Amino acid sequence: MSEHRHQTPLRGTKVTPRPAPANPEYREVNYTYAGREGHIHEVVTIGGRQLAKVGFDDRKIVYYFLDDLETDETAAKRTFHDLP
């Protein structure tokens, strides 16, 4: 069972994914987008673990564990939906 929180206080927060190398819970796409800046769209709890749905400017969505995200609380909050 999963729980989605679209209006999480983290929504729009600028993040940079930093997943540990060779984590079997991640796929190639997670490592492709590692190190790129994105913004949290929502937080999802699956099996008691929190993941963030991270959107990138190319409109790609990738899920990461919250612990693997470096946050920038000083940046303006937004999602790619806010871009012109």
Protein backbone atom coordinates (compact mmCIF):
# COMPACT_ATOMS: atom_id res chain seq x y z
CA MET A 1 0.00 0.00 0.00
CA SER A 2 1.29 3.45 -0.82
CA GLU A 3 0.45 6.91 0.45
CA HIS A 4 0.87 10.01 -1.72
CA ARG A 5 1.16 13.53 -0.35
CA HIS A 6 0.87 16.07 -3.14
CA GLN A 7 0.78 19.06 -0.83
CA THR A 8 3.81 18.06 1.22
CA PRO A 9 5.81 20.98 2.64
CA LEU A 10 8.67 19.71 0.46
CA ARG A 11 6.73 20.27 -2.77
CA GLY A 12 8.82 22.47 -5.07
CA THR A 13 12.01 22.15 -3.04
CA LYS A 14 15.14 22.16 -5.18
CA VAL A 15 17.10 18.93 -4.77
CA THR A 16 20.11 17.13 -6.20
CA PRO A 17 19.96 13.32 -6.07
CA ARG A 18 23.05 11.63 -4.64
CA PRO A 19 22.24 7.89 -4.64
CA ALA A 20 24.82 5.46 -3.27
CA PRO A 21 26.65 3.56 -6.02
CA ALA A 22 25.32 0.12 -6.95
CA ASN A 23 22.18 0.37 -4.80
CA PRO A 24 20.03 -2.56 -6.01
CA GLU A 25 16.86 -0.56 -5.28
CA TYR A 26 17.73 1.94 -8.01
CA ARG A 27 17.76 1.51 -11.77
CA GLU A 28 19.82 3.03 -14.56
CA VAL A 29 17.55 6.09 -14.78
CA ASN A 30 18.28 6.94 -11.12
CA TYR A 31 21.99 7.10 -11.88
CA THR A 32 21.44 8.94 -15.17
CA TYR A 33 19.75 11.79 -13.27
CA ALA A 34 22.07 11.66 -10.24
CA GLY A 35 23.81 14.99 -9.71
CA ARG A 36 21.24 16.94 -11.74
CA GLU A 37 19.07 19.59 -10.13
CA GLY A 38 15.37 18.83 -9.87
CA HIS A 39 12.37 19.74 -7.71
CA ILE A 40 10.17 17.59 -5.50
CA HIS A 41 6.65 17.10 -6.85
CA GLU A 42 5.35 14.91 -4.06
CA VAL A 43 6.40 12.50 -1.34
CA VAL A 44 5.30 8.87 -1.46
CA THR A 45 5.45 6.33 1.36
CA ILE A 46 5.83 2.77 0.11
CA GLY A 47 6.45 -0.10 2.50
CA GLY A 48 7.18 2.37 5.27
CA ARG A 49 9.92 4.14 3.28
CA GLN A 50 9.64 7.69 2.00
CA LEU A 51 10.47 8.45 -1.61
CA ALA A 52 10.34 11.75 -3.40
CA LYS A 53 8.93 12.11 -6.88
CA VAL A 54 11.56 14.41 -8.40
CA GLY A 55 10.82 16.34 -11.59
CA PHE A 56 13.58 17.63 -13.84
CA ASP A 57 13.43 20.51 -16.34
CA ASP A 58 13.23 18.04 -19.25
CA ARG A 59 9.93 16.93 -17.64
CA LYS A 60 11.31 13.54 -16.58
CA ILE A 61 10.09 12.20 -13.22
CA VAL A 62 12.37 9.93 -11.18
CA TYR A 63 11.78 8.54 -7.67
CA TYR A 64 14.51 8.76 -5.02
CA PHE A 65 14.66 7.93 -1.34
CA LEU A 66 14.52 11.16 0.67
CA ASP A 67 17.81 10.27 2.35
CA ASP A 68 19.54 10.36 -1.05
CA LEU A 69 18.55 13.96 -1.84
CA GLU A 70 20.63 17.03 -1.16
CA THR A 71 18.18 19.89 -0.61
CA ASP A 72 18.59 23.59 -1.30
CA GLU A 73 16.14 25.31 1.03
CA THR A 74 17.30 28.76 -0.14
CA ALA A 75 16.15 28.26 -3.75
CA ALA A 76 12.71 29.35 -4.89
CA LYS A 77 10.19 26.52 -4.69
CA ARG A 78 8.77 25.42 -8.04
CA THR A 79 8.09 22.42 -10.25
CA PHE A 80 8.48 22.11 -14.04
CA HIS A 81 4.78 22.93 -14.24
CA ASP A 82 5.72 26.48 -13.23
CA LEU A 83 8.02 26.95 -16.25
CA PRO A 84 6.72 28.92 -19.27
